[in-house]
Amino acid sequence: STRIPAVRDLLAEQFKGREISNNINPDEAVAYGAAIQGAILAGLEDDTVNQLLLLDVIPLSLGIETEGRFNEVVVPKNSTIPTTRNQMFAASSEYQEAILIKVVEGERALTKDCHELGQFTINVTPQARKDSKVMVVLDIDADGLLEVSAMDMKSKNSNKLSITSDRRILSSDEIGKMIDEAKQFEEKDKKDKLILMKKIELRRELDKARSTFPDLDSYKQRSIPDARANEFTQYLNDLEMWVDHDNNQDAALYDKKTEELRKKLNYLTSGSDAKNSSKDPKENVLS
């Protein structure tokens, strides 16, 4: 507090001996600011008031939940309002028909540790994930009203959600707690995010393998023997079971399994298996 003499001395020392202004009562400073802001918003014609510019800021970052339940920050904390920010997103699955837009506020890496503000769904054009584009816009006006809109760039389908300031603004104690927790768990959040990213990478390789070989006919089209096809299908089933149910916390193990899957898939799709089908399976990469 600036009432403490030692704090005043430190401030004076920091600013090279400049005299610290203490003619404003700290208890009244907020009331002064609120009164001035009210006068500005009401359009009061006053020379003194018109010379002042008060900038309101958002106390917590605003973000959108992405695959893996990550908090993708779109509007950083302490951004002045009014403001408008936009960011491009994509579907998380191949040929997805609808996307859930979940809006949160907070500083943590995962949305489960943030404050959810609301959610809505937007219908999108089913297409390959790499071609999917959805523009999300966050607009906050001077009164703190947050409007979140999303548009599928191909079909132009759109939807939006309005969130009033009373739903968005937490108490000062709650905000302080969330900011403190973000600092306290920063390293843990980094590790958790890395693990989830590695898991998503492996899951995408699994999806790629499943789409490449959706049934036994897809193996026959590449002249892959039934025994090899059954072996690889069982490998995918086992790996999928491990991804879904094993609580692995080792990023290197995810990397190892992802690389192993890539090698096995590349081996099958390269045509090498058909050429070497007479060899003992134990000599091949799939073994």
C-alpha atoms as a PDB file:
ATOM      1  CA  SER A   1       0.000   0.000   0.000  1.00  0.00           C
ATOM      2  CA  THR A   2       1.193   3.542  -0.763  1.00  0.00           C
ATOM      3  CA  ARG A   3       0.256   4.466   2.790  1.00  0.00           C
ATOM      4  CA  ILE A   4       3.309   2.590   4.065  1.00  0.00           C
ATOM      5  CA  PRO A   5       6.323   4.939   4.360  1.00  0.00           C
ATOM      6  CA  ALA A   6       8.776   2.225   3.312  1.00  0.00           C
ATOM      7  CA  VAL A   7       6.818   1.688   0.079  1.00  0.00           C
ATOM      8  CA  ARG A   8       6.921   5.422  -0.650  1.00  0.00           C
ATOM      9  CA  ASP A   9      10.677   5.469  -0.052  1.00  0.00           C
ATOM     10  CA  LEU A  10      11.164   2.533  -2.441  1.00  0.00           C
ATOM     11  CA  LEU A  11       9.073   4.250  -5.106  1.00  0.00           C
ATOM     12  CA  ALA A  12      10.999   7.495  -4.688  1.00  0.00           C
ATOM     13  CA  GLU A  13      14.273   5.574  -4.975  1.00  0.00           C
ATOM     14  CA  GLN A  14      13.041   3.707  -8.053  1.00  0.00           C
ATOM     15  CA  PHE A  15      12.076   6.964  -9.756  1.00  0.00           C
ATOM     16  CA  LYS A  16      15.344   8.704  -8.827  1.00  0.00           C
ATOM     17  CA  GLY A  17      14.147  10.870  -5.983  1.00  0.00           C
ATOM     18  CA  ARG A  18      11.038  12.271  -7.657  1.00  0.00           C
ATOM     19  CA  GLU A  19       8.394  13.321  -5.170  1.00  0.00           C
ATOM     20  CA  ILE A  20       5.575  10.815  -4.852  1.00  0.00           C
ATOM     21  CA  SER A  21       2.100  12.311  -5.226  1.00  0.00           C
ATOM     22  CA  ASN A  22      -0.082  11.436  -2.256  1.00  0.00           C
ATOM     23  CA  ASN A  23      -2.919  13.893  -2.654  1.00  0.00           C
ATOM     24  CA  ILE A  24      -5.414  11.190  -3.693  1.00  0.00           C
ATOM     25  CA  ASN A  25      -7.007   8.955  -1.100  1.00  0.00           C
ATOM     26  CA  PRO A  26      -6.606   5.321  -2.267  1.00  0.00           C
ATOM     27  CA  ASP A  27     -10.067   4.517  -0.949  1.00  0.00           C
ATOM     28  CA  GLU A  28     -11.585   7.246  -3.108  1.00  0.00           C
ATOM     29  CA  ALA A  29      -9.534   6.661  -6.290  1.00  0.00           C
ATOM     30  CA  VAL A  30     -11.872   3.959  -7.633  1.00  0.00           C
ATOM     31  CA  ALA A  31     -14.907   6.129  -6.929  1.00  0.00           C
ATOM     32  CA  TYR A  32     -13.294   9.041  -8.793  1.00  0.00           C
ATOM     33  CA  GLY A  33     -12.564   6.836 -11.776  1.00  0.00           C
ATOM     34  CA  ALA A  34     -16.071   5.366 -11.830  1.00  0.00           C
ATOM     35  CA  ALA A  35     -17.623   8.846 -11.649  1.00  0.00           C
ATOM     36  CA  ILE A  36     -15.481  10.114 -14.532  1.00  0.00           C
ATOM     37  CA  GLN A  37     -16.226   7.046 -16.634  1.00  0.00           C
ATOM     38  CA  GLY A  38     -19.937   7.455 -15.940  1.00  0.00           C
ATOM     39  CA  ALA A  39     -19.781  11.083 -17.029  1.00  0.00           C
ATOM     40  CA  ILE A  40     -17.960  10.156 -20.251  1.00  0.00           C
ATOM     41  CA  LEU A  41     -20.437   7.394 -21.109  1.00  0.00           C
ATOM     42  CA  ALA A  42     -23.349   9.722 -20.343  1.00  0.00           C
ATOM     43  CA  GLY A  43     -21.928  12.314 -22.726  1.00  0.00           C
ATOM     44  CA  LEU A  44     -21.527  15.056 -20.116  1.00  0.00           C
ATOM     45  CA  GLU A  45     -20.414  18.329 -21.699  1.00  0.00           C
ATOM     46  CA  ASP A  46     -17.545  19.362 -19.468  1.00  0.00           C
ATOM     47  CA  ASP A  47     -14.127  20.629 -20.558  1.00  0.00           C
ATOM     48  CA  THR A  48     -12.290  18.856 -17.732  1.00  0.00           C
ATOM     49  CA  VAL A  49     -14.040  15.554 -18.304  1.00  0.00           C
ATOM     50  CA  ASN A  50     -13.629  15.732 -22.075  1.00  0.00           C
ATOM     51  CA  GLN A  51      -9.859  16.073 -21.680  1.00  0.00           C
ATOM     52  CA  LEU A  52      -9.650  12.756 -19.847  1.00  0.00           C
ATOM     53  CA  LEU A  53      -9.413   9.311 -21.414  1.00  0.00           C
ATOM     54  CA  LEU A  54     -10.169   6.282 -19.272  1.00  0.00           C
ATOM     55  CA  LEU A  55      -9.369   2.914 -20.812  1.00  0.00           C
ATOM     56  CA  ASP A  56     -11.114  -0.131 -19.380  1.00  0.00           C
ATOM     57  CA  VAL A  57      -9.387  -3.515 -19.708  1.00  0.00           C
ATOM     58  CA  ILE A  58     -10.427  -7.144 -19.415  1.00  0.00           C
ATOM     59  CA  PRO A  59      -8.988  -8.777 -16.274  1.00  0.00           C
ATOM     60  CA  LEU A  60      -8.711 -12.293 -17.737  1.00  0.00           C
ATOM     61  CA  SER A  61      -7.857 -13.661 -21.170  1.00  0.00           C
ATOM     62  CA  LEU A  62     -10.683 -14.834 -23.413  1.00  0.00           C
ATOM     63  CA  GLY A  63     -10.192 -18.031 -25.366  1.00  0.00           C
ATOM     64  CA  ILE A  64     -11.763 -20.811 -27.426  1.00  0.00           C
ATOM     65  CA  GLU A  65     -11.541 -24.507 -26.566  1.00  0.00           C
ATOM     66  CA  THR A  66      -9.629 -26.488 -29.196  1.00  0.00           C
ATOM     67  CA  GLU A  67      -8.908 -30.188 -29.734  1.00  0.00           C
ATOM     68  CA  GLY A  68      -7.491 -31.709 -26.568  1.00  0.00           C
ATOM     69  CA  ARG A  69      -9.475 -29.158 -24.525  1.00  0.00           C
ATOM     70  CA  PHE A  70      -6.766 -26.548 -24.849  1.00  0.00           C
ATOM     71  CA  ASN A  71      -7.482 -22.904 -24.101  1.00  0.00           C
ATOM     72  CA  GLU A  72      -6.555 -21.031 -27.281  1.00  0.00           C
ATOM     73  CA  VAL A  73      -6.328 -17.393 -26.150  1.00  0.00           C
ATOM     74  CA  VAL A  74      -7.847 -14.960 -28.643  1.00  0.00           C
ATOM     75  CA  VAL A  75      -8.038 -11.805 -26.488  1.00  0.00           C
ATOM     76  CA  PRO A  76      -5.163 -11.549 -23.951  1.00  0.00           C
ATOM     77  CA  LYS A  77      -5.814 -10.223 -20.456  1.00  0.00           C
ATOM     78  CA  ASN A  78      -5.426  -6.473 -19.916  1.00  0.00           C
ATOM     79  CA  SER A  79      -6.553  -5.781 -23.496  1.00  0.00           C
ATOM     80  CA  THR A  80      -8.336  -2.421 -23.659  1.00  0.00           C
ATOM     81  CA  ILE A  81     -11.997  -2.348 -24.609  1.00  0.00           C
ATOM     82  CA  PRO A  82     -13.808  -1.894 -26.878  1.00  0.00           C
ATOM     83  CA  THR A  83     -11.890  -4.388 -29.012  1.00  0.00           C
ATOM     84  CA  THR A  84     -12.437  -6.943 -31.766  1.00  0.00           C
ATOM     85  CA  ARG A  85     -10.188  -9.940 -32.362  1.00  0.00           C
ATOM     86  CA  ASN A  86     -10.531 -12.810 -34.839  1.00  0.00           C
ATOM     87  CA  GLN A  87      -8.792 -16.115 -35.394  1.00  0.00           C
ATOM     88  CA  MET A  88      -9.096 -18.977 -37.890  1.00  0.00           C
ATOM     89  CA  PHE A  89      -9.877 -22.481 -36.637  1.00  0.00           C
ATOM     90  CA  ALA A  90     -10.472 -25.870 -38.272  1.00  0.00           C
ATOM     91  CA  ALA A  91     -12.528 -28.992 -37.652  1.00  0.00           C
ATOM     92  CA  SER A  92     -10.856 -31.619 -35.468  1.00  0.00           C
ATOM     93  CA  SER A  93     -12.141 -34.587 -37.486  1.00  0.00           C
ATOM     94  CA  GLU A  94     -12.377 -35.524 -41.130  1.00  0.00           C
ATOM     95  CA  TYR A  95     -15.673 -34.569 -42.791  1.00  0.00           C
ATOM     96  CA  GLN A  96     -17.099 -33.098 -39.614  1.00  0.00           C
ATOM     97  CA  GLU A  97     -20.631 -31.698 -39.983  1.00  0.00           C
ATOM     98  CA  ALA A  98     -20.799 -29.455 -36.909  1.00  0.00           C
ATOM     99  CA  ILE A  99     -18.335 -27.730 -34.592  1.00  0.00           C
ATOM    100  CA  LEU A 100     -18.840 -26.800 -30.942  1.00  0.00           C
ATOM    101  CA  ILE A 101     -17.550 -23.334 -30.063  1.00  0.00           C
ATOM    102  CA  LYS A 102     -16.818 -23.138 -26.325  1.00  0.00           C
ATOM    103  CA  VAL A 103     -15.799 -19.765 -24.876  1.00  0.00           C
ATOM    104  CA  VAL A 104     -13.750 -19.498 -21.681  1.00  0.00           C
ATOM    105  CA  GLU A 105     -11.845 -16.918 -19.665  1.00  0.00           C
ATOM    106  CA  GLY A 106      -8.671 -17.618 -17.729  1.00  0.00           C
ATOM    107  CA  GLU A 107      -4.921 -18.067 -18.024  1.00  0.00           C
ATOM    108  CA  ARG A 108      -4.565 -21.841 -17.684  1.00  0.00           C
ATOM    109  CA  ALA A 109      -3.561 -24.075 -20.595  1.00  0.00           C
ATOM    110  CA  LEU A 110      -6.586 -26.378 -20.288  1.00  0.00           C
ATOM    111  CA  THR A 111     -10.197 -25.214 -20.365  1.00  0.00           C
ATOM    112  CA  LYS A 112     -11.128 -27.394 -17.377  1.00  0.00           C
ATOM    113  CA  ASP A 113      -9.091 -24.978 -15.251  1.00  0.00           C
ATOM    114  CA  CYS A 114     -10.764 -21.874 -16.721  1.00  0.00           C
ATOM    115  CA  HIS A 115     -14.163 -20.244 -16.306  1.00  0.00           C
ATOM    116  CA  GLU A 116     -16.623 -21.302 -19.016  1.00  0.00           C
ATOM    117  CA  LEU A 117     -18.720 -18.441 -20.385  1.00  0.00           C
ATOM    118  CA  GLY A 118     -20.904 -20.251 -22.883  1.00  0.00           C
ATOM    119  CA  GLN A 119     -21.010 -22.399 -25.994  1.00  0.00           C
ATOM    120  CA  PHE A 120     -22.812 -22.791 -29.290  1.00  0.00           C
ATOM    121  CA  THR A 121     -22.727 -25.017 -32.368  1.00  0.00           C
ATOM    122  CA  ILE A 122     -22.112 -24.106 -36.000  1.00  0.00           C
ATOM    123  CA  ASN A 123     -22.932 -26.363 -38.953  1.00  0.00           C
ATOM    124  CA  VAL A 124     -19.998 -26.694 -41.353  1.00  0.00           C
ATOM    125  CA  THR A 125     -19.377 -28.204 -44.766  1.00  0.00           C
ATOM    126  CA  PRO A 126     -18.180 -31.824 -44.437  1.00  0.00           C
ATOM    127  CA  GLN A 127     -14.693 -31.844 -45.935  1.00  0.00           C
ATOM    128  CA  ALA A 128     -11.131 -32.933 -45.305  1.00  0.00           C
ATOM    129  CA  ARG A 129      -9.775 -31.505 -42.079  1.00  0.00           C
ATOM    130  CA  LYS A 130      -6.934 -29.727 -43.889  1.00  0.00           C
ATOM    131  CA  ASP A 131      -9.469 -27.772 -45.971  1.00  0.00           C
ATOM    132  CA  SER A 132     -11.714 -26.785 -43.050  1.00  0.00           C
ATOM    133  CA  LYS A 133     -11.723 -23.100 -42.113  1.00  0.00           C
ATOM    134  CA  VAL A 134     -13.912 -21.452 -39.489  1.00  0.00           C
ATOM    135  CA  MET A 135     -13.461 -17.791 -38.609  1.00  0.00           C
ATOM    136  CA  VAL A 136     -14.210 -16.967 -34.957  1.00  0.00           C
ATOM    137  CA  VAL A 137     -14.637 -13.326 -33.942  1.00  0.00           C
ATOM    138  CA  LEU A 138     -14.697 -11.985 -30.371  1.00  0.00           C
ATOM    139  CA  ASP A 139     -16.094  -8.472 -30.028  1.00  0.00           C
ATOM    140  CA  ILE A 140     -16.286  -6.612 -26.710  1.00  0.00           C
ATOM    141  CA  ASP A 141     -18.018  -3.235 -26.573  1.00  0.00           C
ATOM    142  CA  ALA A 142     -17.459  -0.369 -24.113  1.00  0.00           C
ATOM    143  CA  ASP A 143     -20.096  -1.772 -21.744  1.00  0.00           C
ATOM    144  CA  GLY A 144     -18.314  -5.127 -21.523  1.00  0.00           C
ATOM    145  CA  LEU A 145     -20.825  -7.013 -23.697  1.00  0.00           C
ATOM    146  CA  LEU A 146     -19.022  -9.904 -25.404  1.00  0.00           C
ATOM    147  CA  GLU A 147     -20.317 -11.197 -28.728  1.00  0.00           C
ATOM    148  CA  VAL A 148     -18.737 -14.347 -30.143  1.00  0.00           C
ATOM    149  CA  SER A 149     -19.506 -15.276 -33.744  1.00  0.00           C
ATOM    150  CA  ALA A 150     -18.303 -18.093 -35.973  1.00  0.00           C
ATOM    151  CA  MET A 151     -18.548 -18.564 -39.747  1.00  0.00           C
ATOM    152  CA  ASP A 152     -17.745 -21.555 -41.931  1.00  0.00           C
ATOM    153  CA  MET A 153     -15.714 -19.995 -44.721  1.00  0.00           C
ATOM    154  CA  LYS A 154     -16.981 -22.440 -47.372  1.00  0.00           C
ATOM    155  CA  SER A 155     -20.734 -22.592 -46.728  1.00  0.00           C
ATOM    156  CA  LYS A 156     -20.927 -19.152 -45.042  1.00  0.00           C
ATOM    157  CA  ASN A 157     -23.051 -20.737 -42.300  1.00  0.00           C
ATOM    158  CA  SER A 158     -22.723 -18.720 -39.103  1.00  0.00           C
ATOM    159  CA  ASN A 159     -23.888 -18.550 -35.529  1.00  0.00           C
ATOM    160  CA  LYS A 160     -23.191 -16.320 -32.563  1.00  0.00           C
ATOM    161  CA  LEU A 161     -23.474 -15.964 -28.800  1.00  0.00           C
ATOM    162  CA  SER A 162     -23.842 -12.841 -26.660  1.00  0.00           C
ATOM    163  CA  ILE A 163     -22.402 -12.817 -23.135  1.00  0.00           C
ATOM    164  CA  THR A 164     -23.221  -9.922 -20.820  1.00  0.00           C
ATOM    165  CA  SER A 165     -20.591  -8.481 -18.503  1.00  0.00           C
ATOM    166  CA  ASP A 166     -22.334  -9.745 -15.365  1.00  0.00           C
ATOM    167  CA  ARG A 167     -21.900 -13.339 -16.622  1.00  0.00           C
ATOM    168  CA  ARG A 168     -18.294 -12.701 -17.624  1.00  0.00           C
ATOM    169  CA  ILE A 169     -16.819 -10.720 -14.751  1.00  0.00           C
ATOM    170  CA  LEU A 170     -15.808 -12.662 -11.648  1.00  0.00           C
ATOM    171  CA  SER A 171     -15.142 -11.110  -8.261  1.00  0.00           C
ATOM    172  CA  SER A 172     -11.723  -9.550  -7.674  1.00  0.00           C
ATOM    173  CA  ASP A 173     -10.868 -12.402  -5.292  1.00  0.00           C
ATOM    174  CA  GLU A 174     -11.795 -15.037  -7.897  1.00  0.00           C
ATOM    175  CA  ILE A 175      -9.790 -13.251 -10.588  1.00  0.00           C
ATOM    176  CA  GLY A 176      -6.780 -12.955  -8.288  1.00  0.00           C
ATOM    177  CA  LYS A 177      -7.015 -16.648  -7.414  1.00  0.00           C
ATOM    178  CA  MET A 178      -7.132 -17.668 -11.078  1.00  0.00           C
ATOM    179  CA  ILE A 179      -4.108 -15.518 -11.930  1.00  0.00           C
ATOM    180  CA  ASP A 180      -2.156 -16.874  -8.944  1.00  0.00           C
ATOM    181  CA  GLU A 181      -3.011 -20.469  -9.896  1.00  0.00           C
ATOM    182  CA  ALA A 182      -1.869 -19.857 -13.480  1.00  0.00           C
ATOM    183  CA  LYS A 183       1.552 -18.845 -12.146  1.00  0.00           C
ATOM    184  CA  GLN A 184       1.656 -21.644  -9.580  1.00  0.00           C
ATOM    185  CA  PHE A 185       0.822 -24.400 -12.078  1.00  0.00           C
ATOM    186  CA  GLU A 186       2.646 -22.959 -15.088  1.00  0.00           C
ATOM    187  CA  GLU A 187       5.177 -25.799 -15.332  1.00  0.00           C
ATOM    188  CA  LYS A 188       2.560 -28.487 -14.728  1.00  0.00           C
ATOM    189  CA  ASP A 189       0.325 -26.960 -17.410  1.00  0.00           C
ATOM    190  CA  LYS A 190       3.214 -26.991 -19.905  1.00  0.00           C
ATOM    191  CA  LYS A 191       3.817 -30.686 -19.228  1.00  0.00           C
ATOM    192  CA  ASP A 192       0.117 -31.573 -19.419  1.00  0.00           C
ATOM    193  CA  LYS A 193      -0.237 -29.655 -22.684  1.00  0.00           C
ATOM    194  CA  LEU A 194       2.791 -31.408 -24.198  1.00  0.00           C
ATOM    195  CA  ILE A 195       1.417 -34.850 -23.256  1.00  0.00           C
ATOM    196  CA  LEU A 196      -1.967 -34.049 -24.783  1.00  0.00           C
ATOM    197  CA  MET A 197      -0.384 -32.713 -27.970  1.00  0.00           C
ATOM    198  CA  LYS A 198       1.636 -35.917 -28.353  1.00  0.00           C
ATOM    199  CA  LYS A 199      -1.495 -37.970 -27.732  1.00  0.00           C
ATOM    200  CA  ILE A 200      -3.400 -36.003 -30.383  1.00  0.00           C
ATOM    201  CA  GLU A 201      -0.543 -36.533 -32.848  1.00  0.00           C
ATOM    202  CA  LEU A 202      -0.687 -40.294 -32.291  1.00  0.00           C
ATOM    203  CA  ARG A 203      -4.475 -40.274 -32.561  1.00  0.00           C
ATOM    204  CA  ARG A 204      -4.246 -38.489 -35.928  1.00  0.00           C
ATOM    205  CA  GLU A 205      -1.808 -41.084 -37.219  1.00  0.00           C
ATOM    206  CA  LEU A 206      -4.274 -43.763 -36.120  1.00  0.00           C
ATOM    207  CA  ASP A 207      -7.085 -41.998 -37.990  1.00  0.00           C
ATOM    208  CA  LYS A 208      -4.853 -41.809 -41.062  1.00  0.00           C
ATOM    209  CA  ALA A 209      -4.162 -45.540 -40.872  1.00  0.00           C
ATOM    210  CA  ARG A 210      -7.861 -46.334 -40.405  1.00  0.00           C
ATOM    211  CA  SER A 211      -8.833 -44.200 -43.400  1.00  0.00           C
ATOM    212  CA  THR A 212      -6.099 -45.815 -45.522  1.00  0.00           C
ATOM    213  CA  PHE A 213      -7.242 -49.334 -44.611  1.00  0.00           C
ATOM    214  CA  PRO A 214     -10.935 -49.117 -43.634  1.00  0.00           C
ATOM    215  CA  ASP A 215     -11.659 -52.796 -44.506  1.00  0.00           C
ATOM    216  CA  LEU A 216     -10.094 -56.007 -45.849  1.00  0.00           C
ATOM    217  CA  ASP A 217     -10.806 -54.999 -49.451  1.00  0.00           C
ATOM    218  CA  SER A 218      -8.518 -51.983 -49.067  1.00  0.00           C
ATOM    219  CA  TYR A 219      -5.669 -54.373 -48.227  1.00  0.00           C
ATOM    220  CA  LYS A 220      -6.464 -56.601 -51.215  1.00  0.00           C
ATOM    221  CA  GLN A 221      -6.378 -53.588 -53.537  1.00  0.00           C
ATOM    222  CA  ARG A 222      -2.722 -53.200 -52.556  1.00  0.00           C
ATOM    223  CA  SER A 223      -2.028 -56.950 -52.896  1.00  0.00           C
ATOM    224  CA  ILE A 224      -1.384 -57.310 -49.175  1.00  0.00           C
ATOM    225  CA  PRO A 225      -1.853 -60.884 -47.884  1.00  0.00           C
ATOM    226  CA  ASP A 226      -4.713 -61.587 -45.472  1.00  0.00           C
ATOM    227  CA  ALA A 227      -2.330 -62.617 -42.712  1.00  0.00           C
ATOM    228  CA  ARG A 228      -0.513 -59.291 -42.948  1.00  0.00           C
ATOM    229  CA  ALA A 229      -3.812 -57.396 -43.097  1.00  0.00           C
ATOM    230  CA  ASN A 230      -5.143 -59.154 -39.996  1.00  0.00           C
ATOM    231  CA  GLU A 231      -1.875 -58.541 -38.167  1.00  0.00           C
ATOM    232  CA  PHE A 232      -1.913 -54.799 -38.913  1.00  0.00           C
ATOM    233  CA  THR A 233      -5.628 -54.481 -38.064  1.00  0.00           C
ATOM    234  CA  GLN A 234      -5.008 -56.114 -34.686  1.00  0.00           C
ATOM    235  CA  TYR A 235      -2.016 -53.818 -34.143  1.00  0.00           C
ATOM    236  CA  LEU A 236      -4.250 -50.784 -34.762  1.00  0.00           C
ATOM    237  CA  ASN A 237      -6.902 -52.133 -32.382  1.00  0.00           C
ATOM    238  CA  ASP A 238      -4.351 -52.679 -29.620  1.00  0.00           C
ATOM    239  CA  LEU A 239      -2.767 -49.276 -30.148  1.00  0.00           C
ATOM    240  CA  GLU A 240      -6.152 -47.555 -30.128  1.00  0.00           C
ATOM    241  CA  MET A 241      -7.039 -49.304 -26.874  1.00  0.00           C
ATOM    242  CA  TRP A 242      -3.751 -48.122 -25.349  1.00  0.00           C
ATOM    243  CA  VAL A 243      -4.291 -44.499 -26.448  1.00  0.00           C
ATOM    244  CA  ASP A 244      -7.829 -44.409 -25.067  1.00  0.00           C
ATOM    245  CA  HIS A 245      -7.218 -46.121 -21.733  1.00  0.00           C
ATOM    246  CA  ASP A 246      -3.558 -45.867 -20.722  1.00  0.00           C
ATOM    247  CA  ASN A 247      -2.729 -42.885 -18.506  1.00  0.00           C
ATOM    248  CA  ASN A 248       0.734 -42.438 -19.997  1.00  0.00           C
ATOM    249  CA  GLN A 249       2.631 -39.311 -18.869  1.00  0.00           C
ATOM    250  CA  ASP A 250       5.784 -39.903 -20.919  1.00  0.00           C
ATOM    251  CA  ALA A 251       5.926 -37.718 -24.051  1.00  0.00           C
ATOM    252  CA  ALA A 252       8.833 -39.773 -25.423  1.00  0.00           C
ATOM    253  CA  LEU A 253       6.715 -42.934 -25.353  1.00  0.00           C
ATOM    254  CA  TYR A 254       4.041 -41.226 -27.459  1.00  0.00           C
ATOM    255  CA  ASP A 255       6.762 -40.165 -29.920  1.00  0.00           C
ATOM    256  CA  LYS A 256       8.060 -43.736 -30.089  1.00  0.00           C
ATOM    257  CA  LYS A 257       4.639 -45.234 -30.785  1.00  0.00           C
ATOM    258  CA  THR A 258       3.789 -42.535 -33.339  1.00  0.00           C
ATOM    259  CA  GLU A 259       7.015 -43.150 -35.251  1.00  0.00           C
ATOM    260  CA  GLU A 260       6.493 -46.910 -35.078  1.00  0.00           C
ATOM    261  CA  LEU A 261       2.990 -46.542 -36.556  1.00  0.00           C
ATOM    262  CA  ARG A 262       4.265 -44.281 -39.334  1.00  0.00           C
ATOM    263  CA  LYS A 263       6.933 -46.800 -40.310  1.00  0.00           C
ATOM    264  CA  LYS A 264       4.462 -49.692 -40.369  1.00  0.00           C
ATOM    265  CA  LEU A 265       1.934 -47.694 -42.402  1.00  0.00           C
ATOM    266  CA  ASN A 266       4.554 -46.427 -44.845  1.00  0.00           C
ATOM    267  CA  TYR A 267       5.860 -49.969 -45.267  1.00  0.00           C
ATOM    268  CA  LEU A 268       2.421 -51.252 -46.238  1.00  0.00           C
ATOM    269  CA  THR A 269       1.519 -48.362 -48.541  1.00  0.00           C
ATOM    270  CA  SER A 270       4.901 -48.404 -50.334  1.00  0.00           C
ATOM    271  CA  GLY A 271       4.117 -51.745 -51.914  1.00  0.00           C
ATOM    272  CA  SER A 272       7.084 -53.460 -50.305  1.00  0.00           C
ATOM    273  CA  ASP A 273       4.869 -55.917 -48.506  1.00  0.00           C
ATOM    274  CA  ALA A 274       3.348 -57.285 -51.708  1.00  0.00           C
ATOM    275  CA  LYS A 275       6.795 -57.808 -53.197  1.00  0.00           C
ATOM    276  CA  ASN A 276       8.115 -59.562 -50.077  1.00  0.00           C
ATOM    277  CA  SER A 277       4.973 -61.443 -49.064  1.00  0.00           C
ATOM    278  CA  SER A 278       6.759 -64.785 -49.239  1.00  0.00           C
ATOM    279  CA  LYS A 279       9.174 -63.799 -46.496  1.00  0.00           C
ATOM    280  CA  ASP A 280       8.780 -64.877 -42.929  1.00  0.00           C
ATOM    281  CA  PRO A 281       6.587 -62.223 -41.188  1.00  0.00           C
ATOM    282  CA  LYS A 282       9.031 -62.224 -38.283  1.00  0.00           C
ATOM    283  CA  GLU A 283      11.653 -60.695 -40.561  1.00  0.00           C
ATOM    284  CA  ASN A 284       9.434 -57.753 -41.510  1.00  0.00           C
ATOM    285  CA  VAL A 285       8.986 -54.371 -39.799  1.00  0.00           C
ATOM    286  CA  LEU A 286       5.431 -55.253 -38.698  1.00  0.00           C
ATOM    287  CA  SER A 287       6.727 -57.988 -36.472  1.00  0.00           C
END
